């Protein structure tokens, strides 16, 4: 059995794939929930980068602390964004981002 070690490159590849999928979801989707899921993928890609550079960069625990703050930010973003989406649905009866073009007067 070959000795296989996971290095920084593996983490960066996974992170870039997650970031690309998240960016694709944000740019191409029209549904507000799918856009929020894309933003969550982008934030998770950033967390993987922080943890990987923390492990392979000998920077102490800075990457882990920043990742905790990003997770807290993502939770707050999800709560506020879902409240906004529910309010938009109550007013427009859709969560399609293209159909929401009127501001309430």
N, C-alpha and C. Protein backbone atom coordinates (compact mmCIF):
# COMPACT_ATOMS: atom_id res chain seq x y z
N UNK A 1 0.85 -1.17 0.00
CA UNK A 1 0.00 0.00 0.00
C UNK A 1 0.90 1.24 0.00
N UNK A 2 0.69 2.15 -0.95
CA UNK A 2 1.55 3.34 -1.02
C UNK A 2 1.26 4.32 0.12
N UNK A 3 2.31 5.02 0.53
CA UNK A 3 2.18 6.02 1.59
C UNK A 3 1.72 7.32 0.96
N UNK A 4 0.50 7.70 1.20
CA UNK A 4 -0.10 8.89 0.60
C UNK A 4 -0.37 9.92 1.67
N UNK A 5 0.21 11.12 1.51
CA UNK A 5 0.00 12.18 2.48
C UNK A 5 -0.76 13.33 1.83
N UNK A 6 -1.67 13.88 2.59
CA UNK A 6 -2.45 15.01 2.11
C UNK A 6 -1.68 16.28 2.43
N UNK A 7 -1.45 17.09 1.41
CA UNK A 7 -0.67 18.32 1.59
C UNK A 7 -1.53 19.55 1.38
N UNK A 8 -0.87 20.68 1.39
CA UNK A 8 -1.54 21.97 1.22
C UNK A 8 -2.21 22.06 -0.14
N UNK A 9 -1.61 21.48 -1.15
CA UNK A 9 -2.17 21.54 -2.50
C UNK A 9 -3.55 20.88 -2.55
N UNK A 10 -3.72 19.79 -1.84
CA UNK A 10 -5.01 19.10 -1.84
C UNK A 10 -6.10 19.99 -1.24
N UNK A 11 -5.77 20.66 -0.14
CA UNK A 11 -6.74 21.56 0.47
C UNK A 11 -7.07 22.72 -0.46
N UNK A 12 -6.06 23.25 -1.14
CA UNK A 12 -6.30 24.38 -2.04
C UNK A 12 -7.13 23.98 -3.24
N UNK A 13 -6.94 22.77 -3.73
CA UNK A 13 -7.75 22.30 -4.86
C UNK A 13 -9.21 22.15 -4.44
N UNK A 14 -9.45 21.53 -3.29
CA UNK A 14 -10.82 21.37 -2.79
C UNK A 14 -11.45 22.74 -2.55
N UNK A 15 -10.69 23.65 -1.98
CA UNK A 15 -11.20 24.98 -1.70
C UNK A 15 -11.54 25.72 -2.98
N UNK A 16 -10.69 25.62 -3.99
CA UNK A 16 -10.96 26.31 -5.25
C UNK A 16 -12.17 25.70 -5.96
N UNK A 17 -12.36 24.38 -5.86
CA UNK A 17 -13.55 23.76 -6.43
C UNK A 17 -14.82 24.25 -5.74
N UNK A 18 -14.79 24.31 -4.40
CA UNK A 18 -15.95 24.82 -3.67
C UNK A 18 -16.23 26.28 -4.01
N UNK A 19 -15.16 27.07 -4.12
CA UNK A 19 -15.34 28.48 -4.45
C UNK A 19 -15.92 28.63 -5.85
N UNK A 20 -15.43 27.83 -6.79
CA UNK A 20 -15.96 27.89 -8.15
C UNK A 20 -17.42 27.48 -8.22
N UNK A 21 -17.79 26.42 -7.51
CA UNK A 21 -19.20 26.01 -7.48
C UNK A 21 -20.08 27.07 -6.83
N UNK A 22 -19.58 27.68 -5.76
CA UNK A 22 -20.35 28.74 -5.11
C UNK A 22 -20.51 29.96 -6.00
N UNK A 23 -19.45 30.35 -6.69
CA UNK A 23 -19.52 31.48 -7.60
C UNK A 23 -20.46 31.19 -8.76
N UNK A 24 -20.41 29.96 -9.27
CA UNK A 24 -21.32 29.56 -10.35
C UNK A 24 -22.77 29.62 -9.88
N UNK A 25 -23.03 29.19 -8.65
CA UNK A 25 -24.39 29.23 -8.12
C UNK A 25 -24.88 30.66 -7.94
N UNK A 26 -24.00 31.55 -7.49
CA UNK A 26 -24.40 32.93 -7.27
C UNK A 26 -24.68 33.63 -8.60
N UNK A 27 -23.85 33.36 -9.60
CA UNK A 27 -23.97 34.07 -10.87
C UNK A 27 -25.12 33.54 -11.72
N UNK A 28 -25.35 32.24 -11.73
CA UNK A 28 -26.30 31.67 -12.67
C UNK A 28 -27.69 31.43 -12.12
N UNK A 29 -27.86 31.33 -10.84
CA UNK A 29 -29.16 30.99 -10.27
C UNK A 29 -30.05 32.22 -10.16
N UNK A 30 -31.33 31.98 -10.28
CA UNK A 30 -32.31 33.06 -10.13
C UNK A 30 -33.06 32.95 -8.80
N UNK A 31 -33.05 31.78 -8.22
CA UNK A 31 -33.75 31.56 -6.97
C UNK A 31 -32.90 32.13 -5.82
N UNK A 32 -33.52 32.90 -4.96
CA UNK A 32 -32.78 33.57 -3.88
C UNK A 32 -32.18 32.55 -2.90
N UNK A 33 -32.85 31.44 -2.67
CA UNK A 33 -32.33 30.42 -1.76
C UNK A 33 -31.06 29.80 -2.34
N UNK A 34 -31.04 29.55 -3.63
CA UNK A 34 -29.85 28.98 -4.27
C UNK A 34 -28.68 29.97 -4.26
N UNK A 35 -28.98 31.24 -4.38
CA UNK A 35 -27.93 32.26 -4.28
C UNK A 35 -27.32 32.25 -2.88
N UNK A 36 -28.16 32.12 -1.87
CA UNK A 36 -27.66 32.05 -0.49
C UNK A 36 -26.81 30.80 -0.28
N UNK A 37 -27.21 29.69 -0.88
CA UNK A 37 -26.40 28.47 -0.77
C UNK A 37 -25.05 28.65 -1.44
N UNK A 38 -25.01 29.37 -2.55
CA UNK A 38 -23.74 29.66 -3.21
C UNK A 38 -22.83 30.51 -2.34
N UNK A 39 -23.40 31.47 -1.66
CA UNK A 39 -22.61 32.31 -0.74
C UNK A 39 -22.05 31.46 0.40
N UNK A 40 -22.84 30.53 0.90
CA UNK A 40 -22.35 29.63 1.95
C UNK A 40 -21.20 28.77 1.44
N UNK A 41 -21.26 28.30 0.21
CA UNK A 41 -20.15 27.53 -0.35
C UNK A 41 -18.88 28.37 -0.44
N UNK A 42 -19.02 29.63 -0.82
CA UNK A 42 -17.86 30.52 -0.91
C UNK A 42 -17.25 30.73 0.48
N UNK A 43 -18.08 30.91 1.49
CA UNK A 43 -17.57 31.09 2.85
C UNK A 43 -16.89 29.82 3.36
N UNK A 44 -17.43 28.65 3.01
CA UNK A 44 -16.79 27.39 3.41
C UNK A 44 -15.46 27.20 2.72
N UNK A 45 -15.34 27.65 1.48
CA UNK A 45 -14.06 27.58 0.78
C UNK A 45 -13.02 28.46 1.49
N UNK A 46 -13.45 29.62 1.95
CA UNK A 46 -12.53 30.48 2.70
C UNK A 46 -12.11 29.82 4.01
N UNK A 47 -13.03 29.15 4.68
CA UNK A 47 -12.69 28.45 5.93
C UNK A 47 -11.66 27.36 5.69
N UNK A 48 -11.81 26.60 4.61
CA UNK A 48 -10.84 25.56 4.30
C UNK A 48 -9.47 26.18 4.07
N UNK A 49 -9.41 27.31 3.38
CA UNK A 49 -8.13 27.99 3.18
C UNK A 49 -7.52 28.44 4.50
N UNK A 50 -8.32 29.04 5.38
CA UNK A 50 -7.80 29.50 6.66
C UNK A 50 -7.21 28.34 7.47
N UNK A 51 -7.94 27.23 7.53
CA UNK A 51 -7.47 26.08 8.31
C UNK A 51 -6.25 25.45 7.67
N UNK A 52 -6.21 25.36 6.34
CA UNK A 52 -5.06 24.75 5.66
C UNK A 52 -3.81 25.60 5.86
N UNK A 53 -3.93 26.90 5.71
CA UNK A 53 -2.75 27.74 5.90
C UNK A 53 -2.35 27.80 7.37
N UNK A 54 -3.30 27.62 8.26
CA UNK A 54 -2.97 27.53 9.68
C UNK A 54 -2.15 26.28 9.95
N UNK A 55 -2.53 25.16 9.34
CA UNK A 55 -1.84 23.90 9.59
C UNK A 55 -0.45 23.86 8.96
N UNK A 56 -0.34 24.34 7.73
CA UNK A 56 0.92 24.22 7.01
C UNK A 56 1.78 25.48 7.07
N UNK A 57 1.29 26.55 7.69
CA UNK A 57 2.06 27.78 7.73
C UNK A 57 2.68 28.10 9.08
N UNK A 58 2.44 27.29 10.09
CA UNK A 58 2.95 27.51 11.45
C UNK A 58 2.64 28.93 11.93
N UNK A 59 1.36 29.31 11.82
CA UNK A 59 0.96 30.65 12.23
C UNK A 59 0.25 30.66 13.59
N UNK A 60 0.30 29.58 14.31
CA UNK A 60 -0.40 29.52 15.59
C UNK A 60 -1.85 29.12 15.37
N UNK A 61 -2.75 29.71 16.14
CA UNK A 61 -4.17 29.39 16.02
C UNK A 61 -4.95 30.49 15.33
N UNK A 62 -4.28 31.38 14.63
CA UNK A 62 -4.97 32.50 13.98
C UNK A 62 -5.99 32.03 12.94
N UNK A 63 -5.64 31.03 12.15
CA UNK A 63 -6.56 30.54 11.13
C UNK A 63 -7.81 29.93 11.71
N UNK A 64 -7.66 29.23 12.83
CA UNK A 64 -8.82 28.61 13.47
C UNK A 64 -9.74 29.67 14.08
N UNK A 65 -9.17 30.70 14.65
CA UNK A 65 -9.97 31.77 15.24
C UNK A 65 -10.74 32.52 14.15
N UNK A 66 -10.07 32.80 13.05
CA UNK A 66 -10.74 33.49 11.94
C UNK A 66 -11.84 32.61 11.37
N UNK A 67 -11.62 31.29 11.30
CA UNK A 67 -12.65 30.39 10.81
C UNK A 67 -13.87 30.39 11.71
N UNK A 68 -13.66 30.46 13.01
CA UNK A 68 -14.80 30.55 13.94
C UNK A 68 -15.59 31.82 13.67
N UNK A 69 -14.90 32.94 13.44
CA UNK A 69 -15.60 34.18 13.13
C UNK A 69 -16.36 34.08 11.81
N UNK A 70 -15.79 33.40 10.82
CA UNK A 70 -16.48 33.23 9.53
C UNK A 70 -17.72 32.36 9.71
N UNK A 71 -17.65 31.33 10.54
CA UNK A 71 -18.81 30.48 10.80
C UNK A 71 -19.90 31.28 11.50
N UNK A 72 -19.53 32.12 12.45
CA UNK A 72 -20.51 32.98 13.13
C UNK A 72 -21.12 33.95 12.14
N UNK A 73 -20.30 34.54 11.26
CA UNK A 73 -20.80 35.45 10.24
C UNK A 73 -21.75 34.74 9.30
N UNK A 74 -21.44 33.50 8.92
CA UNK A 74 -22.30 32.74 8.03
C UNK A 74 -23.65 32.43 8.68
N UNK A 75 -23.64 32.12 9.96
CA UNK A 75 -24.89 31.85 10.66
C UNK A 75 -25.75 33.10 10.73
N UNK A 76 -25.13 34.24 11.04
CA UNK A 76 -25.89 35.49 11.10
C UNK A 76 -26.40 35.87 9.71
N UNK A 77 -25.59 35.65 8.69
CA UNK A 77 -26.00 35.95 7.32
C UNK A 77 -27.17 35.08 6.91
N UNK A 78 -27.15 33.82 7.28
CA UNK A 78 -28.24 32.91 6.92
C UNK A 78 -29.54 33.33 7.59
N UNK A 79 -29.49 33.71 8.85
CA UNK A 79 -30.70 34.11 9.56
C UNK A 79 -31.29 35.39 8.95
N UNK A 80 -30.46 36.38 8.74
CA UNK A 80 -30.95 37.65 8.19
C UNK A 80 -31.42 37.48 6.76
N UNK A 81 -30.66 36.75 5.96
CA UNK A 81 -31.03 36.57 4.56
C UNK A 81 -32.33 35.78 4.42
N UNK A 82 -32.52 34.75 5.24
CA UNK A 82 -33.77 34.00 5.17
C UNK A 82 -34.96 34.86 5.62
N UNK A 83 -34.75 35.73 6.58
CA UNK A 83 -35.82 36.65 6.98
C UNK A 83 -36.17 37.60 5.83
N UNK A 84 -35.16 38.07 5.13
CA UNK A 84 -35.40 38.94 3.97
C UNK A 84 -36.12 38.17 2.87
N UNK A 85 -35.70 36.93 2.62
CA UNK A 85 -36.35 36.13 1.58
C UNK A 85 -37.81 35.87 1.94
N UNK A 86 -38.11 35.57 3.20
CA UNK A 86 -39.49 35.37 3.61
C UNK A 86 -40.32 36.65 3.44
N UNK A 87 -39.73 37.79 3.75
CA UNK A 87 -40.42 39.06 3.57
C UNK A 87 -40.66 39.33 2.08
N UNK A 88 -39.69 39.03 1.25
CA UNK A 88 -39.86 39.20 -0.20
C UNK A 88 -40.96 38.28 -0.71
N UNK A 89 -40.99 37.05 -0.21
CA UNK A 89 -42.04 36.11 -0.65
C UNK A 89 -43.42 36.60 -0.23
N UNK A 90 -43.53 37.18 0.97
CA UNK A 90 -44.82 37.70 1.42
C UNK A 90 -45.30 38.86 0.55
N UNK A 91 -44.36 39.68 0.08
CA UNK A 91 -44.74 40.84 -0.72
C UNK A 91 -44.95 40.52 -2.20
N UNK A 92 -44.09 39.67 -2.78
CA UNK A 92 -44.12 39.43 -4.22
C UNK A 92 -44.62 38.05 -4.61
N UNK A 93 -44.80 37.15 -3.67
CA UNK A 93 -45.24 35.76 -3.91
C UNK A 93 -44.28 35.00 -4.81
N UNK A 94 -43.00 35.34 -4.77
CA UNK A 94 -41.95 34.63 -5.50
C UNK A 94 -40.61 34.88 -4.82
N UNK A 95 -39.69 33.94 -5.01
CA UNK A 95 -38.31 34.14 -4.53
C UNK A 95 -37.34 34.22 -5.71
N UNK A 96 -37.89 34.37 -6.91
CA UNK A 96 -37.08 34.51 -8.11
C UNK A 96 -36.48 35.92 -8.12
N UNK A 97 -35.15 36.00 -8.13
CA UNK A 97 -34.48 37.30 -8.02
C UNK A 97 -34.73 38.19 -9.23
N UNK A 98 -35.01 37.61 -10.39
CA UNK A 98 -35.26 38.43 -11.58
C UNK A 98 -36.63 39.11 -11.55
N UNK A 99 -37.58 38.53 -10.88
CA UNK A 99 -38.93 39.09 -10.85
C UNK A 99 -39.12 40.12 -9.75
N UNK A 100 -38.14 40.28 -8.90
CA UNK A 100 -38.25 41.25 -7.80
C UNK A 100 -37.54 42.52 -8.24
N UNK A 101 -38.29 43.40 -8.90
CA UNK A 101 -37.66 44.62 -9.42
C UNK A 101 -38.38 45.88 -8.97
N UNK A 102 -39.39 45.76 -8.16
CA UNK A 102 -40.13 46.93 -7.68
C UNK A 102 -39.76 47.20 -6.22
N UNK A 103 -39.57 48.45 -5.90
CA UNK A 103 -39.40 48.86 -4.52
C UNK A 103 -40.74 49.33 -3.97
N UNK A 104 -40.99 48.98 -2.72
CA UNK A 104 -42.25 49.40 -2.12
C UNK A 104 -42.19 50.89 -1.82
N UNK A 105 -43.25 51.58 -2.15
CA UNK A 105 -43.27 53.05 -1.98
C UNK A 105 -43.85 53.46 -0.67
